[in-house]
Amino acid sequence: MRAFSLAALLAVSVPASAQAPDIATLEARLADGDPAVRLNAADALGQRRSRASAAKLAALAGSDPVSAVRQSAAGALGFIGDASAAPALIGALKDSSAPVRFAAVRSLGSLRAPAAVGPLGALLKDPDASMRRTAAAALQQIGDPAAAPALKAALGDADEGVRLEAAGALARLGDGAGTAAALDGLKSKDASSRRRAAVAASLSGDASALAALDAASAAEKDKGVKAQLDEARTRLRERLAVKKAPPAKAKEAVRP
């Protein structure tokens, strides 16, 4: 008897009506009277990276009466990655719901939207340290030099995580202003801070950071953090090697 794969059997046994709905059906559900239906439709469109749905999701993120639906729509826009959604997400930074604002910040980072640099920089002064950390991480993703002044100011933040995210963002810009904060973070009592510090140090391109990473790795007891430190050491060595490498000589034209 011929054997069939499980996938083939499922394809035969599952009726068409039970299969995943198409994009048009999901978009229609964004206007359903049930908030749960709208939320699930937004999630599904984000998972499918449906760029054609970006405008509808952007409208939902700014207008749905239920905050959980607005949050889902804002998050979906980050998965889709359509730059046209940036204005709607920037508007969502002022939403009355904190989860919506967080979703908008993360999505703007995913979109790498230069227009968001100013609004995200302003969030580095938000009363919520978690929001400040998230905003700094988004600015690191965007990688726009225009964010440098706000990030440098954040190096003096009372929250260690904010300082380290800002240091990493500056390092990604090729700015060494945050190197001292990164090296200080390698000595933190908090494991997540040591992870952030390792990333920032690896991006610094500063030779002095290598010795600090070596020492931190030797002293580290947490296996996960140690793995992060070792990866950071490898990346920094690679960066330093590229810096030291002599420029390649241009090949002379061969005369006939």
C-alpha atoms as a PDB file:
ATOM      1  CA  MET A   1       0.000   0.000   0.000  1.00  0.00           C
ATOM      2  CA  ARG A   2       1.326   3.457  -0.944  1.00  0.00           C
ATOM      3  CA  ALA A   3       2.271   5.690   2.008  1.00  0.00           C
ATOM      4  CA  PHE A   4       1.061   9.289   2.208  1.00  0.00           C
ATOM      5  CA  SER A   5       2.643  12.130   4.164  1.00  0.00           C
ATOM      6  CA  LEU A   6       0.751  13.661   7.071  1.00  0.00           C
ATOM      7  CA  ALA A   7       0.635  16.989   5.219  1.00  0.00           C
ATOM      8  CA  ALA A   8      -0.936  15.329   2.178  1.00  0.00           C
ATOM      9  CA  LEU A   9      -3.560  13.577   4.309  1.00  0.00           C
ATOM     10  CA  LEU A  10      -4.430  16.822   6.063  1.00  0.00           C
ATOM     11  CA  ALA A  11      -4.736  18.637   2.757  1.00  0.00           C
ATOM     12  CA  VAL A  12      -7.241  16.044   1.597  1.00  0.00           C
ATOM     13  CA  SER A  13      -9.192  15.815   4.855  1.00  0.00           C
ATOM     14  CA  VAL A  14      -9.510  19.539   5.715  1.00  0.00           C
ATOM     15  CA  PRO A  15     -12.420  21.175   3.893  1.00  0.00           C
ATOM     16  CA  ALA A  16     -11.802  24.387   1.978  1.00  0.00           C
ATOM     17  CA  SER A  17     -14.065  26.315   4.362  1.00  0.00           C
ATOM     18  CA  ALA A  18     -11.741  25.432   7.261  1.00  0.00           C
ATOM     19  CA  GLN A  19      -8.561  26.599   5.532  1.00  0.00           C
ATOM     20  CA  ALA A  20      -6.954  29.964   6.282  1.00  0.00           C
ATOM     21  CA  PRO A  21      -8.980  32.898   4.956  1.00  0.00           C
ATOM     22  CA  ASP A  22      -7.597  34.968   2.103  1.00  0.00           C
ATOM     23  CA  ILE A  23      -6.378  38.564   2.438  1.00  0.00           C
ATOM     24  CA  ALA A  24      -9.645  40.089   1.234  1.00  0.00           C
ATOM     25  CA  THR A  25     -11.600  38.127   3.838  1.00  0.00           C
ATOM     26  CA  LEU A  26      -9.228  39.196   6.608  1.00  0.00           C
ATOM     27  CA  GLU A  27      -9.429  42.838   5.542  1.00  0.00           C
ATOM     28  CA  ALA A  28     -13.227  42.638   5.626  1.00  0.00           C
ATOM     29  CA  ARG A  29     -13.005  41.341   9.191  1.00  0.00           C
ATOM     30  CA  LEU A  30     -11.185  44.510  10.246  1.00  0.00           C
ATOM     31  CA  ALA A  31     -14.611  46.173  10.168  1.00  0.00           C
ATOM     32  CA  ASP A  32     -16.398  43.399  12.090  1.00  0.00           C
ATOM     33  CA  GLY A  33     -18.500  44.410  15.072  1.00  0.00           C
ATOM     34  CA  ASP A  34     -16.662  41.979  17.338  1.00  0.00           C
ATOM     35  CA  PRO A  35     -13.351  43.410  18.646  1.00  0.00           C
ATOM     36  CA  ALA A  36     -11.871  39.913  18.936  1.00  0.00           C
ATOM     37  CA  VAL A  37     -12.495  39.320  15.243  1.00  0.00           C
ATOM     38  CA  ARG A  38     -10.857  42.628  14.317  1.00  0.00           C
ATOM     39  CA  LEU A  39      -7.880  41.894  16.564  1.00  0.00           C
ATOM     40  CA  ASN A  40      -7.323  38.415  15.144  1.00  0.00           C
ATOM     41  CA  ALA A  41      -7.659  39.710  11.581  1.00  0.00           C
ATOM     42  CA  ALA A  42      -5.028  42.377  12.232  1.00  0.00           C
ATOM     43  CA  ASP A  43      -2.685  39.789  13.721  1.00  0.00           C
ATOM     44  CA  ALA A  44      -3.183  37.473  10.748  1.00  0.00           C
ATOM     45  CA  LEU A  45      -2.513  40.232   8.208  1.00  0.00           C
ATOM     46  CA  GLY A  46       0.681  41.105  10.041  1.00  0.00           C
ATOM     47  CA  GLN A  47       1.810  37.488  10.084  1.00  0.00           C
ATOM     48  CA  ARG A  48       1.220  37.280   6.347  1.00  0.00           C
ATOM     49  CA  ARG A  49       3.220  40.476   5.758  1.00  0.00           C
ATOM     50  CA  SER A  50       0.339  41.826   3.672  1.00  0.00           C
ATOM     51  CA  ARG A  51       1.669  45.145   2.352  1.00  0.00           C
ATOM     52  CA  ALA A  52      -1.610  45.701   0.515  1.00  0.00           C
ATOM     53  CA  SER A  53      -3.323  45.867   3.910  1.00  0.00           C
ATOM     54  CA  ALA A  54      -1.028  48.507   5.423  1.00  0.00           C
ATOM     55  CA  ALA A  55      -3.378  51.435   4.816  1.00  0.00           C
ATOM     56  CA  LYS A  56      -6.344  49.660   6.425  1.00  0.00           C
ATOM     57  CA  LEU A  57      -4.256  48.618   9.420  1.00  0.00           C
ATOM     58  CA  ALA A  58      -2.873  52.137   9.775  1.00  0.00           C
ATOM     59  CA  ALA A  59      -6.419  53.498   9.910  1.00  0.00           C
ATOM     60  CA  LEU A  60      -7.375  50.861  12.476  1.00  0.00           C
ATOM     61  CA  ALA A  61      -4.352  51.696  14.646  1.00  0.00           C
ATOM     62  CA  GLY A  62      -5.523  55.264  14.921  1.00  0.00           C
ATOM     63  CA  SER A  63      -9.275  54.926  15.116  1.00  0.00           C
ATOM     64  CA  ASP A  64     -10.499  51.649  16.604  1.00  0.00           C
ATOM     65  CA  PRO A  65     -12.395  52.251  19.864  1.00  0.00           C
ATOM     66  CA  VAL A  66     -10.762  49.216  21.513  1.00  0.00           C
ATOM     67  CA  SER A  67      -7.148  49.704  22.588  1.00  0.00           C
ATOM     68  CA  ALA A  68      -6.240  46.021  22.175  1.00  0.00           C
ATOM     69  CA  VAL A  69      -7.275  46.216  18.519  1.00  0.00           C
ATOM     70  CA  ARG A  70      -5.248  49.392  18.004  1.00  0.00           C
ATOM     71  CA  GLN A  71      -2.271  47.655  19.613  1.00  0.00           C
ATOM     72  CA  SER A  72      -2.639  44.638  17.327  1.00  0.00           C
ATOM     73  CA  ALA A  73      -2.859  46.847  14.244  1.00  0.00           C
ATOM     74  CA  ALA A  74       0.209  48.856  15.284  1.00  0.00           C
ATOM     75  CA  GLY A  75       2.167  45.672  15.877  1.00  0.00           C
ATOM     76  CA  ALA A  76       1.091  44.203  12.546  1.00  0.00           C
ATOM     77  CA  LEU A  77       2.437  47.257  10.730  1.00  0.00           C
ATOM     78  CA  GLY A  78       5.874  46.521  12.144  1.00  0.00           C
ATOM     79  CA  PHE A  79       5.775  42.998  10.714  1.00  0.00           C
ATOM     80  CA  ILE A  80       4.626  44.259   7.329  1.00  0.00           C
ATOM     81  CA  GLY A  81       7.378  46.868   7.129  1.00  0.00           C
ATOM     82  CA  ASP A  82       5.653  49.329   4.799  1.00  0.00           C
ATOM     83  CA  ALA A  83       7.190  52.798   5.228  1.00  0.00           C
ATOM     84  CA  SER A  84       3.878  54.437   4.347  1.00  0.00           C
ATOM     85  CA  ALA A  85       2.611  53.411   7.799  1.00  0.00           C
ATOM     86  CA  ALA A  86       5.124  55.627   9.616  1.00  0.00           C
ATOM     87  CA  PRO A  87       2.829  58.683   9.970  1.00  0.00           C
ATOM     88  CA  ALA A  88       0.053  56.582  11.516  1.00  0.00           C
ATOM     89  CA  LEU A  89       2.501  54.957  13.927  1.00  0.00           C
ATOM     90  CA  ILE A  90       3.967  58.323  14.884  1.00  0.00           C
ATOM     91  CA  GLY A  91       0.425  59.440  15.645  1.00  0.00           C
ATOM     92  CA  ALA A  92      -0.053  56.324  17.775  1.00  0.00           C
ATOM     93  CA  LEU A  93       2.828  57.435  20.008  1.00  0.00           C
ATOM     94  CA  LYS A  94       0.304  59.777  21.638  1.00  0.00           C
ATOM     95  CA  ASP A  95      -2.339  57.074  22.153  1.00  0.00           C
ATOM     96  CA  SER A  96      -4.019  57.009  25.561  1.00  0.00           C
ATOM     97  CA  SER A  97      -3.073  53.321  25.926  1.00  0.00           C
ATOM     98  CA  ALA A  98       0.500  52.459  26.938  1.00  0.00           C
ATOM     99  CA  PRO A  99       0.484  49.066  25.133  1.00  0.00           C
ATOM    100  CA  VAL A 100      -0.493  50.833  21.906  1.00  0.00           C
ATOM    101  CA  ARG A 101       2.344  53.321  22.346  1.00  0.00           C
ATOM    102  CA  PHE A 102       4.835  50.518  22.986  1.00  0.00           C
ATOM    103  CA  ALA A 103       3.651  48.655  19.880  1.00  0.00           C
ATOM    104  CA  ALA A 104       4.019  51.824  17.814  1.00  0.00           C
ATOM    105  CA  VAL A 105       7.568  52.433  19.076  1.00  0.00           C
ATOM    106  CA  ARG A 106       8.662  48.888  18.269  1.00  0.00           C
ATOM    107  CA  SER A 107       7.073  49.019  14.827  1.00  0.00           C
ATOM    108  CA  LEU A 108       8.721  52.342  14.005  1.00  0.00           C
ATOM    109  CA  GLY A 109      12.038  50.733  14.872  1.00  0.00           C
ATOM    110  CA  SER A 110      11.242  47.812  12.584  1.00  0.00           C
ATOM    111  CA  LEU A 111      10.305  50.229   9.794  1.00  0.00           C
ATOM    112  CA  ARG A 112      13.576  52.150  10.319  1.00  0.00           C
ATOM    113  CA  ALA A 113      11.590  55.303   9.714  1.00  0.00           C
ATOM    114  CA  PRO A 114      13.780  58.453   9.740  1.00  0.00           C
ATOM    115  CA  ALA A 115      10.677  60.589  10.302  1.00  0.00           C
ATOM    116  CA  ALA A 116      10.290  58.917  13.701  1.00  0.00           C
ATOM    117  CA  VAL A 117      13.671  60.040  15.038  1.00  0.00           C
ATOM    118  CA  GLY A 118      12.342  63.273  16.566  1.00  0.00           C
ATOM    119  CA  PRO A 119       9.268  61.755  18.220  1.00  0.00           C
ATOM    120  CA  LEU A 120      11.248  58.772  19.516  1.00  0.00           C
ATOM    121  CA  GLY A 121      13.974  61.070  20.789  1.00  0.00           C
ATOM    122  CA  ALA A 122      11.326  62.932  22.769  1.00  0.00           C
ATOM    123  CA  LEU A 123      10.276  59.641  24.350  1.00  0.00           C
ATOM    124  CA  LEU A 124      13.754  59.318  25.856  1.00  0.00           C
ATOM    125  CA  LYS A 125      12.381  61.745  28.454  1.00  0.00           C
ATOM    126  CA  ASP A 126       9.205  59.725  29.103  1.00  0.00           C
ATOM    127  CA  PRO A 127       8.443  59.114  32.809  1.00  0.00           C
ATOM    128  CA  ASP A 128       8.345  55.351  32.172  1.00  0.00           C
ATOM    129  CA  ALA A 129      11.836  53.836  32.081  1.00  0.00           C
ATOM    130  CA  SER A 130      10.545  50.901  30.027  1.00  0.00           C
ATOM    131  CA  MET A 131       9.326  53.325  27.371  1.00  0.00           C
ATOM    132  CA  ARG A 132      12.667  55.124  27.381  1.00  0.00           C
ATOM    133  CA  ARG A 133      14.488  51.820  26.897  1.00  0.00           C
ATOM    134  CA  THR A 134      12.159  50.792  24.084  1.00  0.00           C
ATOM    135  CA  ALA A 135      12.545  54.148  22.354  1.00  0.00           C
ATOM    136  CA  ALA A 136      16.347  53.949  22.571  1.00  0.00           C
ATOM    137  CA  ALA A 137      16.265  50.428  21.138  1.00  0.00           C
ATOM    138  CA  ALA A 138      14.080  51.636  18.253  1.00  0.00           C
ATOM    139  CA  LEU A 139      16.499  54.485  17.549  1.00  0.00           C
ATOM    140  CA  GLN A 140      19.299  51.930  17.457  1.00  0.00           C
ATOM    141  CA  GLN A 141      17.386  50.022  14.777  1.00  0.00           C
ATOM    142  CA  ILE A 142      16.774  53.165  12.744  1.00  0.00           C
ATOM    143  CA  GLY A 143      20.436  54.180  12.883  1.00  0.00           C
ATOM    144  CA  ASP A 144      19.977  57.834  11.939  1.00  0.00           C
ATOM    145  CA  PRO A 145      22.741  60.274  13.020  1.00  0.00           C
ATOM    146  CA  ALA A 146      20.051  62.861  13.754  1.00  0.00           C
ATOM    147  CA  ALA A 147      19.266  60.884  16.917  1.00  0.00           C
ATOM    148  CA  ALA A 148      22.768  61.377  18.382  1.00  0.00           C
ATOM    149  CA  PRO A 149      22.060  64.461  20.540  1.00  0.00           C
ATOM    150  CA  ALA A 150      19.052  62.845  22.242  1.00  0.00           C
ATOM    151  CA  LEU A 151      20.952  59.590  22.705  1.00  0.00           C
ATOM    152  CA  LYS A 152      23.924  61.362  24.251  1.00  0.00           C
ATOM    153  CA  ALA A 153      21.604  63.073  26.702  1.00  0.00           C
ATOM    154  CA  ALA A 154      20.168  59.651  27.581  1.00  0.00           C
ATOM    155  CA  LEU A 155      23.637  58.467  28.655  1.00  0.00           C
ATOM    156  CA  GLY A 156      22.931  60.337  31.894  1.00  0.00           C
ATOM    157  CA  ASP A 157      19.597  58.585  32.469  1.00  0.00           C
ATOM    158  CA  ALA A 158      18.910  57.253  35.957  1.00  0.00           C
ATOM    159  CA  ASP A 159      17.978  53.867  34.471  1.00  0.00           C
ATOM    160  CA  GLU A 160      20.895  51.597  33.589  1.00  0.00           C
ATOM    161  CA  GLY A 161      19.002  49.915  30.758  1.00  0.00           C
ATOM    162  CA  VAL A 162      18.305  53.252  29.087  1.00  0.00           C
ATOM    163  CA  ARG A 163      21.963  54.237  29.318  1.00  0.00           C
ATOM    164  CA  LEU A 164      23.044  50.969  27.737  1.00  0.00           C
ATOM    165  CA  GLU A 165      20.487  51.085  24.920  1.00  0.00           C
ATOM    166  CA  ALA A 166      21.616  54.637  24.187  1.00  0.00           C
ATOM    167  CA  ALA A 167      25.256  53.522  24.236  1.00  0.00           C
ATOM    168  CA  GLY A 168      24.474  50.734  21.771  1.00  0.00           C
ATOM    169  CA  ALA A 169      22.599  53.114  19.485  1.00  0.00           C
ATOM    170  CA  LEU A 170      25.496  55.573  19.480  1.00  0.00           C
ATOM    171  CA  ALA A 171      28.013  52.795  18.853  1.00  0.00           C
ATOM    172  CA  ARG A 172      25.983  51.664  15.843  1.00  0.00           C
ATOM    173  CA  LEU A 173      26.281  55.227  14.557  1.00  0.00           C
ATOM    174  CA  GLY A 174      30.066  55.048  14.955  1.00  0.00           C
ATOM    175  CA  ASP A 175      29.953  57.452  17.890  1.00  0.00           C
ATOM    176  CA  GLY A 176      32.101  56.457  20.878  1.00  0.00           C
ATOM    177  CA  ALA A 177      30.334  58.713  23.358  1.00  0.00           C
ATOM    178  CA  GLY A 178      28.645  55.734  24.985  1.00  0.00           C
ATOM    179  CA  THR A 179      31.657  53.435  25.260  1.00  0.00           C
ATOM    180  CA  ALA A 180      32.295  54.289  28.917  1.00  0.00           C
ATOM    181  CA  ALA A 181      28.666  53.519  29.782  1.00  0.00           C
ATOM    182  CA  ALA A 182      28.913  50.195  27.948  1.00  0.00           C
ATOM    183  CA  LEU A 183      32.078  49.143  29.768  1.00  0.00           C
ATOM    184  CA  ASP A 184      30.565  50.172  33.090  1.00  0.00           C
ATOM    185  CA  GLY A 185      27.517  48.044  32.279  1.00  0.00           C
ATOM    186  CA  LEU A 186      29.701  44.940  31.944  1.00  0.00           C
ATOM    187  CA  LYS A 187      30.043  45.072  35.729  1.00  0.00           C
ATOM    188  CA  SER A 188      26.310  45.368  36.391  1.00  0.00           C
ATOM    189  CA  LYS A 189      24.581  43.019  38.840  1.00  0.00           C
ATOM    190  CA  ASP A 190      21.722  42.674  36.353  1.00  0.00           C
ATOM    191  CA  ALA A 191      22.142  39.950  33.711  1.00  0.00           C
ATOM    192  CA  SER A 192      20.058  41.768  31.083  1.00  0.00           C
ATOM    193  CA  SER A 193      22.198  44.873  31.568  1.00  0.00           C
ATOM    194  CA  ARG A 194      25.377  42.866  31.070  1.00  0.00           C
ATOM    195  CA  ARG A 195      23.887  41.507  27.841  1.00  0.00           C
ATOM    196  CA  ARG A 196      23.073  45.016  26.611  1.00  0.00           C
ATOM    197  CA  ALA A 197      26.543  46.182  27.599  1.00  0.00           C
ATOM    198  CA  ALA A 198      28.157  43.336  25.668  1.00  0.00           C
ATOM    199  CA  VAL A 199      26.269  44.291  22.506  1.00  0.00           C
ATOM    200  CA  ALA A 200      27.145  47.963  22.883  1.00  0.00           C
ATOM    201  CA  ALA A 201      30.806  47.161  23.513  1.00  0.00           C
ATOM    202  CA  SER A 202      30.977  44.905  20.453  1.00  0.00           C
ATOM    203  CA  LEU A 203      29.663  47.713  18.277  1.00  0.00           C
ATOM    204  CA  SER A 204      32.038  50.315  19.670  1.00  0.00           C
ATOM    205  CA  GLY A 205      35.042  49.439  17.538  1.00  0.00           C
ATOM    206  CA  ASP A 206      37.151  50.594  20.504  1.00  0.00           C
ATOM    207  CA  ALA A 207      40.260  48.492  21.198  1.00  0.00           C
ATOM    208  CA  SER A 208      40.033  49.265  24.918  1.00  0.00           C
ATOM    209  CA  ALA A 209      36.678  47.473  25.033  1.00  0.00           C
ATOM    210  CA  LEU A 210      38.256  44.145  24.102  1.00  0.00           C
ATOM    211  CA  ALA A 211      40.192  43.783  27.347  1.00  0.00           C
ATOM    212  CA  ALA A 212      37.061  44.669  29.305  1.00  0.00           C
ATOM    213  CA  LEU A 213      35.058  42.037  27.430  1.00  0.00           C
ATOM    214  CA  ASP A 214      37.777  39.451  28.011  1.00  0.00           C
ATOM    215  CA  ALA A 215      37.753  40.164  31.745  1.00  0.00           C
ATOM    216  CA  ALA A 216      33.961  40.137  31.906  1.00  0.00           C
ATOM    217  CA  SER A 217      33.799  36.804  30.081  1.00  0.00           C
ATOM    218  CA  ALA A 218      36.342  35.229  32.429  1.00  0.00           C
ATOM    219  CA  ALA A 219      34.368  36.359  35.478  1.00  0.00           C
ATOM    220  CA  GLU A 220      30.868  35.624  34.175  1.00  0.00           C
ATOM    221  CA  LYS A 221      28.893  32.836  35.910  1.00  0.00           C
ATOM    222  CA  ASP A 222      25.686  33.044  33.868  1.00  0.00           C
ATOM    223  CA  LYS A 223      26.042  30.747  30.842  1.00  0.00           C
ATOM    224  CA  GLY A 224      23.686  32.796  28.679  1.00  0.00           C
ATOM    225  CA  VAL A 225      25.441  36.053  29.418  1.00  0.00           C
ATOM    226  CA  LYS A 226      28.839  34.428  28.926  1.00  0.00           C
ATOM    227  CA  ALA A 227      27.753  33.266  25.469  1.00  0.00           C
ATOM    228  CA  GLN A 228      26.705  36.829  24.673  1.00  0.00           C
ATOM    229  CA  LEU A 229      30.035  38.151  25.919  1.00  0.00           C
ATOM    230  CA  ASP A 230      31.994  35.647  23.854  1.00  0.00           C
ATOM    231  CA  GLU A 231      30.007  36.561  20.763  1.00  0.00           C
ATOM    232  CA  ALA A 232      30.685  40.226  21.484  1.00  0.00           C
ATOM    233  CA  ARG A 233      34.414  39.524  21.788  1.00  0.00           C
ATOM    234  CA  THR A 234      34.403  37.786  18.416  1.00  0.00           C
ATOM    235  CA  ARG A 235      32.519  40.616  16.730  1.00  0.00           C
ATOM    236  CA  LEU A 236      34.762  43.281  18.219  1.00  0.00           C
ATOM    237  CA  ARG A 237      37.908  41.421  17.137  1.00  0.00           C
ATOM    238  CA  GLU A 238      36.498  41.269  13.616  1.00  0.00           C
ATOM    239  CA  ARG A 239      35.800  45.002  13.655  1.00  0.00           C
ATOM    240  CA  LEU A 240      39.280  45.781  14.929  1.00  0.00           C
ATOM    241  CA  ALA A 241      40.841  43.526  12.294  1.00  0.00           C
ATOM    242  CA  VAL A 242      38.987  45.390   9.559  1.00  0.00           C
ATOM    243  CA  LYS A 243      40.210  48.686  10.982  1.00  0.00           C
ATOM    244  CA  LYS A 244      43.829  47.521  11.011  1.00  0.00           C
ATOM    245  CA  ALA A 245      43.743  45.930   7.577  1.00  0.00           C
ATOM    246  CA  PRO A 246      45.756  47.941   5.011  1.00  0.00           C
ATOM    247  CA  PRO A 247      43.689  49.418   2.194  1.00  0.00           C
ATOM    248  CA  ALA A 248      43.508  47.218  -0.863  1.00  0.00           C
ATOM    249  CA  LYS A 249      45.728  48.401  -3.705  1.00  0.00           C
ATOM    250  CA  ALA A 250      43.962  49.245  -6.893  1.00  0.00           C
ATOM    251  CA  LYS A 251      44.854  46.886  -9.700  1.00  0.00           C
ATOM    252  CA  GLU A 252      46.879  48.481 -12.481  1.00  0.00           C
ATOM    253  CA  ALA A 253      45.226  48.507 -15.833  1.00  0.00           C
ATOM    254  CA  VAL A 254      46.685  45.920 -18.151  1.00  0.00           C
ATOM    255  CA  ARG A 255      48.052  47.567 -21.284  1.00  0.00           C
ATOM    256  CA  PRO A 256      47.484  45.758 -24.546  1.00  0.00           C
END
